[in-house]
Amino acid sequence: MLCTFTEAYKCLGFKSRASIYQLRDKGILEPYLRRINDQKYLFMGAIKGVTLAKHIQNNLTSNNWIPINDYDLEKYIELAKSQ
């Protein structure tokens, strides 16, 4: 699943888009960035078994650690259907 930066910060549990942009500027999000029609998206799925959320969590230092939602669209859809 691809998300815009606005959608991604909400799904991951960040307080603002600025956090996502800072990670992008540091190059942490590079493997998960996709460009479609000159708009940047983040791939929320797993690359080599590591989701975007886990990748971000692994690259945060102890002084800026925050809990991140490991967002999985398939699980979300299944839960929404069951309700």
PDB file of N, CA and C in Angstrom:
ATOM      1  N   MET A   1       0.837  -1.173   0.000  1.00  0.00           N
ATOM      2  CA  MET A   1       0.000   0.000   0.000  1.00  0.00           C
ATOM      3  C   MET A   1       0.883   1.238   0.000  1.00  0.00           C
ATOM      4  N   LEU A   2       0.515   2.196  -0.805  1.00  0.00           N
ATOM      5  CA  LEU A   2       1.224   3.470  -0.847  1.00  0.00           C
ATOM      6  C   LEU A   2       0.403   4.527  -0.128  1.00  0.00           C
ATOM      7  N   CYS A   3       1.086   5.369   0.627  1.00  0.00           N
ATOM      8  CA  CYS A   3       0.435   6.463   1.353  1.00  0.00           C
ATOM      9  C   CYS A   3       1.163   7.766   1.064  1.00  0.00           C
ATOM     10  N   THR A   4       0.412   8.851   1.067  1.00  0.00           N
ATOM     11  CA  THR A   4       1.050  10.165   1.025  1.00  0.00           C
ATOM     12  C   THR A   4       1.700  10.405   2.384  1.00  0.00           C
ATOM     13  N   PHE A   5       2.497  11.418   2.487  1.00  0.00           N
ATOM     14  CA  PHE A   5       3.143  11.722   3.760  1.00  0.00           C
ATOM     15  C   PHE A   5       2.099  12.051   4.827  1.00  0.00           C
ATOM     16  N   THR A   6       1.016  12.720   4.439  1.00  0.00           N
ATOM     17  CA  THR A   6      -0.050  13.059   5.382  1.00  0.00           C
ATOM     18  C   THR A   6      -0.729  11.796   5.905  1.00  0.00           C
ATOM     19  N   GLU A   7      -1.033  10.870   5.015  1.00  0.00           N
ATOM     20  CA  GLU A   7      -1.663   9.620   5.433  1.00  0.00           C
ATOM     21  C   GLU A   7      -0.707   8.788   6.279  1.00  0.00           C
ATOM     22  N   ALA A   8       0.560   8.771   5.895  1.00  0.00           N
ATOM     23  CA  ALA A   8       1.549   7.952   6.590  1.00  0.00           C
ATOM     24  C   ALA A   8       1.750   8.402   8.029  1.00  0.00           C
ATOM     25  N   TYR A   9       1.838   9.701   8.274  1.00  0.00           N
ATOM     26  CA  TYR A   9       2.086  10.136   9.653  1.00  0.00           C
ATOM     27  C   TYR A   9       0.907   9.777  10.540  1.00  0.00           C
ATOM     28  N   LYS A  10      -0.302   9.801  10.009  1.00  0.00           N
ATOM     29  CA  LYS A  10      -1.476   9.419  10.800  1.00  0.00           C
ATOM     30  C   LYS A  10      -1.485   7.920  11.070  1.00  0.00           C
ATOM     31  N   CYS A  11      -1.209   7.129  10.046  1.00  0.00           N
ATOM     32  CA  CYS A  11      -1.207   5.665  10.192  1.00  0.00           C
ATOM     33  C   CYS A  11      -0.123   5.193  11.158  1.00  0.00           C
ATOM     34  N   LEU A  12       1.036   5.842  11.115  1.00  0.00           N
ATOM     35  CA  LEU A  12       2.161   5.434  11.951  1.00  0.00           C
ATOM     36  C   LEU A  12       2.081   5.973  13.374  1.00  0.00           C
ATOM     37  N   GLY A  13       1.208   6.955  13.615  1.00  0.00           N
ATOM     38  CA  GLY A  13       1.048   7.486  14.960  1.00  0.00           C
ATOM     39  C   GLY A  13       1.927   8.674  15.300  1.00  0.00           C
ATOM     40  N   PHE A  14       2.528   9.300  14.296  1.00  0.00           N
ATOM     41  CA  PHE A  14       3.319  10.511  14.551  1.00  0.00           C
ATOM     42  C   PHE A  14       2.385  11.677  14.857  1.00  0.00           C
ATOM     43  N   LYS A  15       2.898  12.691  15.532  1.00  0.00           N
ATOM     44  CA  LYS A  15       2.083  13.852  15.879  1.00  0.00           C
ATOM     45  C   LYS A  15       1.982  14.865  14.751  1.00  0.00           C
ATOM     46  N   SER A  16       2.946  14.834  13.822  1.00  0.00           N
ATOM     47  CA  SER A  16       2.906  15.780  12.701  1.00  0.00           C
ATOM     48  C   SER A  16       3.676  15.218  11.510  1.00  0.00           C
ATOM     49  N   ARG A  17       3.445  15.825  10.342  1.00  0.00           N
ATOM     50  CA  ARG A  17       4.167  15.433   9.141  1.00  0.00           C
ATOM     51  C   ARG A  17       5.635  15.785   9.223  1.00  0.00           C
ATOM     52  N   ALA A  18       5.978  16.760  10.037  1.00  0.00           N
ATOM     53  CA  ALA A  18       7.366  17.214  10.138  1.00  0.00           C
ATOM     54  C   ALA A  18       8.299  16.061  10.505  1.00  0.00           C
ATOM     55  N   SER A  19       7.841  15.155  11.340  1.00  0.00           N
ATOM     56  CA  SER A  19       8.667  14.008  11.729  1.00  0.00           C
ATOM     57  C   SER A  19       8.989  13.130  10.527  1.00  0.00           C
ATOM     58  N   ILE A  20       7.997  12.910   9.673  1.00  0.00           N
ATOM     59  CA  ILE A  20       8.200  12.106   8.469  1.00  0.00           C
ATOM     60  C   ILE A  20       9.178  12.817   7.529  1.00  0.00           C
ATOM     61  N   TYR A  21       9.014  14.133   7.384  1.00  0.00           N
ATOM     62  CA  TYR A  21       9.903  14.893   6.497  1.00  0.00           C
ATOM     63  C   TYR A  21      11.338  14.884   7.021  1.00  0.00           C
ATOM     64  N   GLN A  22      11.521  14.927   8.337  1.00  0.00           N
ATOM     65  CA  GLN A  22      12.872  14.872   8.897  1.00  0.00           C
ATOM     66  C   GLN A  22      13.524  13.525   8.607  1.00  0.00           C
ATOM     67  N   LEU A  23      12.765  12.451   8.730  1.00  0.00           N
ATOM     68  CA  LEU A  23      13.296  11.127   8.421  1.00  0.00           C
ATOM     69  C   LEU A  23      13.649  11.016   6.941  1.00  0.00           C
ATOM     70  N   ARG A  24      12.816  11.613   6.087  1.00  0.00           N
ATOM     71  CA  ARG A  24      13.103  11.614   4.651  1.00  0.00           C
ATOM     72  C   ARG A  24      14.392  12.369   4.364  1.00  0.00           C
ATOM     73  N   ASP A  25      14.554  13.541   4.988  1.00  0.00           N
ATOM     74  CA  ASP A  25      15.746  14.359   4.756  1.00  0.00           C
ATOM     75  C   ASP A  25      17.030  13.666   5.223  1.00  0.00           C
ATOM     76  N   LYS A  26      16.916  12.816   6.250  1.00  0.00           N
ATOM     77  CA  LYS A  26      18.072  12.065   6.740  1.00  0.00           C
ATOM     78  C   LYS A  26      18.369  10.841   5.878  1.00  0.00           C
ATOM     79  N   GLY A  27      17.459  10.515   4.948  1.00  0.00           N
ATOM     80  CA  GLY A  27      17.663   9.382   4.064  1.00  0.00           C
ATOM     81  C   GLY A  27      17.159   8.054   4.607  1.00  0.00           C
ATOM     82  N   ILE A  28      16.536   8.077   5.761  1.00  0.00           N
ATOM     83  CA  ILE A  28      16.062   6.848   6.392  1.00  0.00           C
ATOM     84  C   ILE A  28      14.932   6.204   5.588  1.00  0.00           C
ATOM     85  N   LEU A  29      14.105   7.013   4.952  1.00  0.00           N
ATOM     86  CA  LEU A  29      12.939   6.498   4.231  1.00  0.00           C
ATOM     87  C   LEU A  29      13.229   6.124   2.781  1.00  0.00           C
ATOM     88  N   GLU A  30      14.448   6.287   2.341  1.00  0.00           N
ATOM     89  CA  GLU A  30      14.804   6.106   0.930  1.00  0.00           C
ATOM     90  C   GLU A  30      14.312   4.795   0.316  1.00  0.00           C
ATOM     91  N   PRO A  31      14.491   3.648   0.973  1.00  0.00           N
ATOM     92  CA  PRO A  31      14.028   2.398   0.331  1.00  0.00           C
ATOM     93  C   PRO A  31      12.510   2.333   0.160  1.00  0.00           C
ATOM     94  N   TYR A  32      11.780   3.103   0.936  1.00  0.00           N
ATOM     95  CA  TYR A  32      10.315   3.039   0.932  1.00  0.00           C
ATOM     96  C   TYR A  32       9.666   4.166   0.129  1.00  0.00           C
ATOM     97  N   LEU A  33      10.456   5.068  -0.424  1.00  0.00           N
ATOM     98  CA  LEU A  33       9.912   6.174  -1.209  1.00  0.00           C
ATOM     99  C   LEU A  33       9.557   5.720  -2.614  1.00  0.00           C
ATOM    100  N   ARG A  34       8.413   6.168  -3.077  1.00  0.00           N
ATOM    101  CA  ARG A  34       7.979   5.917  -4.451  1.00  0.00           C
ATOM    102  C   ARG A  34       7.519   7.238  -5.032  1.00  0.00           C
ATOM    103  N   ARG A  35       7.756   7.441  -6.315  1.00  0.00           N
ATOM    104  CA  ARG A  35       7.338   8.671  -6.983  1.00  0.00           C
ATOM    105  C   ARG A  35       6.378   8.289  -8.101  1.00  0.00           C
ATOM    106  N   ILE A  36       5.174   8.875  -8.047  1.00  0.00           N
ATOM    107  CA  ILE A  36       4.158   8.659  -9.071  1.00  0.00           C
ATOM    108  C   ILE A  36       3.644  10.025  -9.489  1.00  0.00           C
ATOM    109  N   ASN A  37       3.788  10.342 -10.771  1.00  0.00           N
ATOM    110  CA  ASN A  37       3.335  11.643 -11.301  1.00  0.00           C
ATOM    111  C   ASN A  37       3.862  12.810 -10.473  1.00  0.00           C
ATOM    112  N   ASP A  38       5.143  12.798 -10.189  1.00  0.00           N
ATOM    113  CA  ASP A  38       5.820  13.853  -9.424  1.00  0.00           C
ATOM    114  C   ASP A  38       5.303  14.030  -8.007  1.00  0.00           C
ATOM    115  N   GLN A  39       4.604  13.056  -7.467  1.00  0.00           N
ATOM    116  CA  GLN A  39       4.196  13.104  -6.068  1.00  0.00           C
ATOM    117  C   GLN A  39       4.864  11.942  -5.344  1.00  0.00           C
ATOM    118  N   LYS A  40       5.380  12.223  -4.143  1.00  0.00           N
ATOM    119  CA  LYS A  40       6.079  11.194  -3.383  1.00  0.00           C
ATOM    120  C   LYS A  40       5.101  10.445  -2.481  1.00  0.00           C
ATOM    121  N   TYR A  41       5.295   9.129  -2.455  1.00  0.00           N
ATOM    122  CA  TYR A  41       4.499   8.250  -1.611  1.00  0.00           C
ATOM    123  C   TYR A  41       5.437   7.376  -0.799  1.00  0.00           C
ATOM    124  N   LEU A  42       4.918   6.847   0.296  1.00  0.00           N
ATOM    125  CA  LEU A  42       5.665   5.898   1.104  1.00  0.00           C
ATOM    126  C   LEU A  42       5.016   4.534   0.988  1.00  0.00           C
ATOM    127  N   PHE A  43       5.832   3.516   0.742  1.00  0.00           N
ATOM    128  CA  PHE A  43       5.350   2.145   0.694  1.00  0.00           C
ATOM    129  C   PHE A  43       5.249   1.643   2.127  1.00  0.00           C
ATOM    130  N   MET A  44       4.049   1.282   2.551  1.00  0.00           N
ATOM    131  CA  MET A  44       3.812   0.904   3.941  1.00  0.00           C
ATOM    132  C   MET A  44       4.079  -0.577   4.203  1.00  0.00           C
ATOM    133  N   GLY A  45       4.261  -1.353   3.163  1.00  0.00           N
ATOM    134  CA  GLY A  45       4.464  -2.793   3.308  1.00  0.00           C
ATOM    135  C   GLY A  45       5.886  -3.155   3.689  1.00  0.00           C
ATOM    136  N   ALA A  46       6.182  -4.438   3.542  1.00  0.00           N
ATOM    137  CA  ALA A  46       7.492  -4.964   3.931  1.00  0.00           C
ATOM    138  C   ALA A  46       8.436  -5.047   2.738  1.00  0.00           C
ATOM    139  N   ILE A  47       9.662  -4.655   2.970  1.00  0.00           N
ATOM    140  CA  ILE A  47      10.755  -4.831   2.018  1.00  0.00           C
ATOM    141  C   ILE A  47      11.776  -5.709   2.725  1.00  0.00           C
ATOM    142  N   LYS A  48      12.039  -6.871   2.139  1.00  0.00           N
ATOM    143  CA  LYS A  48      12.939  -7.860   2.742  1.00  0.00           C
ATOM    144  C   LYS A  48      12.484  -8.211   4.165  1.00  0.00           C
ATOM    145  N   GLY A  49      11.170  -8.287   4.362  1.00  0.00           N
ATOM    146  CA  GLY A  49      10.614  -8.691   5.649  1.00  0.00           C
ATOM    147  C   GLY A  49      10.521  -7.595   6.691  1.00  0.00           C
ATOM    148  N   VAL A  50      10.860  -6.364   6.344  1.00  0.00           N
ATOM    149  CA  VAL A  50      10.832  -5.259   7.303  1.00  0.00           C
ATOM    150  C   VAL A  50       9.832  -4.210   6.820  1.00  0.00           C
ATOM    151  N   THR A  51       8.803  -3.967   7.619  1.00  0.00           N
ATOM    152  CA  THR A  51       7.815  -2.949   7.259  1.00  0.00           C
ATOM    153  C   THR A  51       8.394  -1.556   7.476  1.00  0.00           C
ATOM    154  N   LEU A  52       7.725  -0.570   6.924  1.00  0.00           N
ATOM    155  CA  LEU A  52       8.171   0.813   7.101  1.00  0.00           C
ATOM    156  C   LEU A  52       8.233   1.173   8.578  1.00  0.00           C
ATOM    157  N   ALA A  53       7.223   0.772   9.339  1.00  0.00           N
ATOM    158  CA  ALA A  53       7.199   1.101  10.768  1.00  0.00           C
ATOM    159  C   ALA A  53       8.392   0.503  11.502  1.00  0.00           C
ATOM    160  N   LYS A  54       8.694  -0.762  11.226  1.00  0.00           N
ATOM    161  CA  LYS A  54       9.848  -1.408  11.870  1.00  0.00           C
ATOM    162  C   LYS A  54      11.158  -0.759  11.432  1.00  0.00           C
ATOM    163  N   HIS A  55      11.238  -0.393  10.154  1.00  0.00           N
ATOM    164  CA  HIS A  55      12.442   0.263   9.636  1.00  0.00           C
ATOM    165  C   HIS A  55      12.673   1.596  10.355  1.00  0.00           C
ATOM    166  N   ILE A  56      11.617   2.369  10.528  1.00  0.00           N
ATOM    167  CA  ILE A  56      11.739   3.650  11.235  1.00  0.00           C
ATOM    168  C   ILE A  56      12.144   3.405  12.675  1.00  0.00           C
ATOM    169  N   GLN A  57      11.478   2.461  13.336  1.00  0.00           N
ATOM    170  CA  GLN A  57      11.775   2.161  14.737  1.00  0.00           C
ATOM    171  C   GLN A  57      13.230   1.734  14.909  1.00  0.00           C
ATOM    172  N   ASN A  58      13.753   0.954  13.978  1.00  0.00           N
ATOM    173  CA  ASN A  58      15.146   0.499  14.063  1.00  0.00           C
ATOM    174  C   ASN A  58      16.144   1.639  13.866  1.00  0.00           C
ATOM    175  N   ASN A  59      15.711   2.732  13.252  1.00  0.00           N
ATOM    176  CA  ASN A  59      16.624   3.841  12.971  1.00  0.00           C
ATOM    177  C   ASN A  59      16.469   5.022  13.929  1.00  0.00           C
ATOM    178  N   LEU A  60      15.580   4.898  14.904  1.00  0.00           N
ATOM    179  CA  LEU A  60      15.441   5.958  15.897  1.00  0.00           C
ATOM    180  C   LEU A  60      16.433   5.722  17.023  1.00  0.00           C
ATOM    181  N   THR A  61      16.978   6.809  17.552  1.00  0.00           N
ATOM    182  CA  THR A  61      17.901   6.692  18.679  1.00  0.00           C
ATOM    183  C   THR A  61      17.108   6.752  19.973  1.00  0.00           C
ATOM    184  N   SER A  62      17.748   6.434  21.057  1.00  0.00           N
ATOM    185  CA  SER A  62      17.051   6.367  22.343  1.00  0.00           C
ATOM    186  C   SER A  62      16.511   7.723  22.793  1.00  0.00           C
ATOM    187  N   ASN A  63      17.124   8.817  22.356  1.00  0.00           N
ATOM    188  CA  ASN A  63      16.654  10.124  22.809  1.00  0.00           C
ATOM    189  C   ASN A  63      15.472  10.644  21.990  1.00  0.00           C
ATOM    190  N   ASN A  64      15.154  10.005  20.853  1.00  0.00           N
ATOM    191  CA  ASN A  64      13.981  10.435  20.096  1.00  0.00           C
ATOM    192  C   ASN A  64      13.047   9.265  19.814  1.00  0.00           C
ATOM    193  N   TRP A  65      13.064   8.253  20.666  1.00  0.00           N
ATOM    194  CA  TRP A  65      12.252   7.063  20.472  1.00  0.00           C
ATOM    195  C   TRP A  65      10.797   7.359  20.804  1.00  0.00           C
ATOM    196  N   ILE A  66       9.910   6.945  19.925  1.00  0.00           N
ATOM    197  CA  ILE A  66       8.474   7.040  20.158  1.00  0.00           C
ATOM    198  C   ILE A  66       7.846   5.721  19.715  1.00  0.00           C
ATOM    199  N   PRO A  67       6.729   5.334  20.319  1.00  0.00           N
ATOM    200  CA  PRO A  67       6.064   4.110  19.841  1.00  0.00           C
ATOM    201  C   PRO A  67       5.435   4.361  18.477  1.00  0.00           C
ATOM    202  N   ILE A  68       5.600   3.434  17.560  1.00  0.00           N
ATOM    203  CA  ILE A  68       5.087   3.588  16.202  1.00  0.00           C
ATOM    204  C   ILE A  68       4.105   2.464  15.920  1.00  0.00           C
ATOM    205  N   ASN A  69       2.976   2.811  15.321  1.00  0.00           N
ATOM    206  CA  ASN A  69       1.999   1.810  14.911  1.00  0.00           C
ATOM    207  C   ASN A  69       2.556   1.028  13.729  1.00  0.00           C
ATOM    208  N   ASP A  70       2.547  -0.280  13.830  1.00  0.00           N
ATOM    209  CA  ASP A  70       2.971  -1.104  12.693  1.00  0.00           C
ATOM    210  C   ASP A  70       1.735  -1.337  11.837  1.00  0.00           C
ATOM    211  N   TYR A  71       1.431  -0.370  11.012  1.00  0.00           N
ATOM    212  CA  TYR A  71       0.200  -0.342  10.230  1.00  0.00           C
ATOM    213  C   TYR A  71       0.209  -1.423   9.156  1.00  0.00           C
ATOM    214  N   ASP A  72      -0.855  -2.234   9.135  1.00  0.00           N
ATOM    215  CA  ASP A  72      -1.000  -3.283   8.135  1.00  0.00           C
ATOM    216  C   ASP A  72      -2.383  -3.151   7.516  1.00  0.00           C
ATOM    217  N   LEU A  73      -2.442  -2.728   6.261  1.00  0.00           N
ATOM    218  CA  LEU A  73      -3.710  -2.470   5.596  1.00  0.00           C
ATOM    219  C   LEU A  73      -4.585  -3.714   5.528  1.00  0.00           C
ATOM    220  N   GLU A  74      -4.002  -4.868   5.239  1.00  0.00           N
ATOM    221  CA  GLU A  74      -4.790  -6.089   5.121  1.00  0.00           C
ATOM    222  C   GLU A  74      -5.502  -6.418   6.424  1.00  0.00           C
ATOM    223  N   LYS A  75      -4.790  -6.294   7.555  1.00  0.00           N
ATOM    224  CA  LYS A  75      -5.422  -6.550   8.861  1.00  0.00           C
ATOM    225  C   LYS A  75      -6.516  -5.528   9.137  1.00  0.00           C
ATOM    226  N   TYR A  76      -6.275  -4.275   8.788  1.00  0.00           N
ATOM    227  CA  TYR A  76      -7.265  -3.222   9.008  1.00  0.00           C
ATOM    228  C   TYR A  76      -8.533  -3.510   8.215  1.00  0.00           C
ATOM    229  N   ILE A  77      -8.399  -3.938   6.967  1.00  0.00           N
ATOM    230  CA  ILE A  77      -9.561  -4.249   6.141  1.00  0.00           C
ATOM    231  C   ILE A  77     -10.325  -5.431   6.700  1.00  0.00           C
ATOM    232  N   GLU A  78      -9.610  -6.462   7.149  1.00  0.00           N
ATOM    233  CA  GLU A  78     -10.270  -7.626   7.744  1.00  0.00           C
ATOM    234  C   GLU A  78     -11.054  -7.248   8.989  1.00  0.00           C
ATOM    235  N   LEU A  79     -10.465  -6.411   9.833  1.00  0.00           N
ATOM    236  CA  LEU A  79     -11.153  -5.976  11.046  1.00  0.00           C
ATOM    237  C   LEU A  79     -12.377  -5.133  10.714  1.00  0.00           C
ATOM    238  N   ALA A  80     -12.264  -4.283   9.715  1.00  0.00           N
ATOM    239  CA  ALA A  80     -13.381  -3.433   9.329  1.00  0.00           C
ATOM    240  C   ALA A  80     -14.535  -4.267   8.764  1.00  0.00           C
ATOM    241  N   LYS A  81     -14.223  -5.314   8.023  1.00  0.00           N
ATOM    242  CA  LYS A  81     -15.258  -6.187   7.468  1.00  0.00           C
ATOM    243  C   LYS A  81     -15.978  -6.970   8.553  1.00  0.00           C
ATOM    244  N   SER A  82     -15.242  -7.357   9.604  1.00  0.00           N
ATOM    245  CA  SER A  82     -15.827  -8.183  10.650  1.00  0.00           C
ATOM    246  C   SER A  82     -16.749  -7.398  11.593  1.00  0.00           C
ATOM    247  N   GLN A  83     -16.691  -6.101  11.540  1.00  0.00           N
ATOM    248  CA  GLN A  83     -17.522  -5.289  12.452  1.00  0.00           C
ATOM    249  C   GLN A  83     -18.822  -4.890  11.835  1.00  0.00           C
TER     250      GLN A  83
END
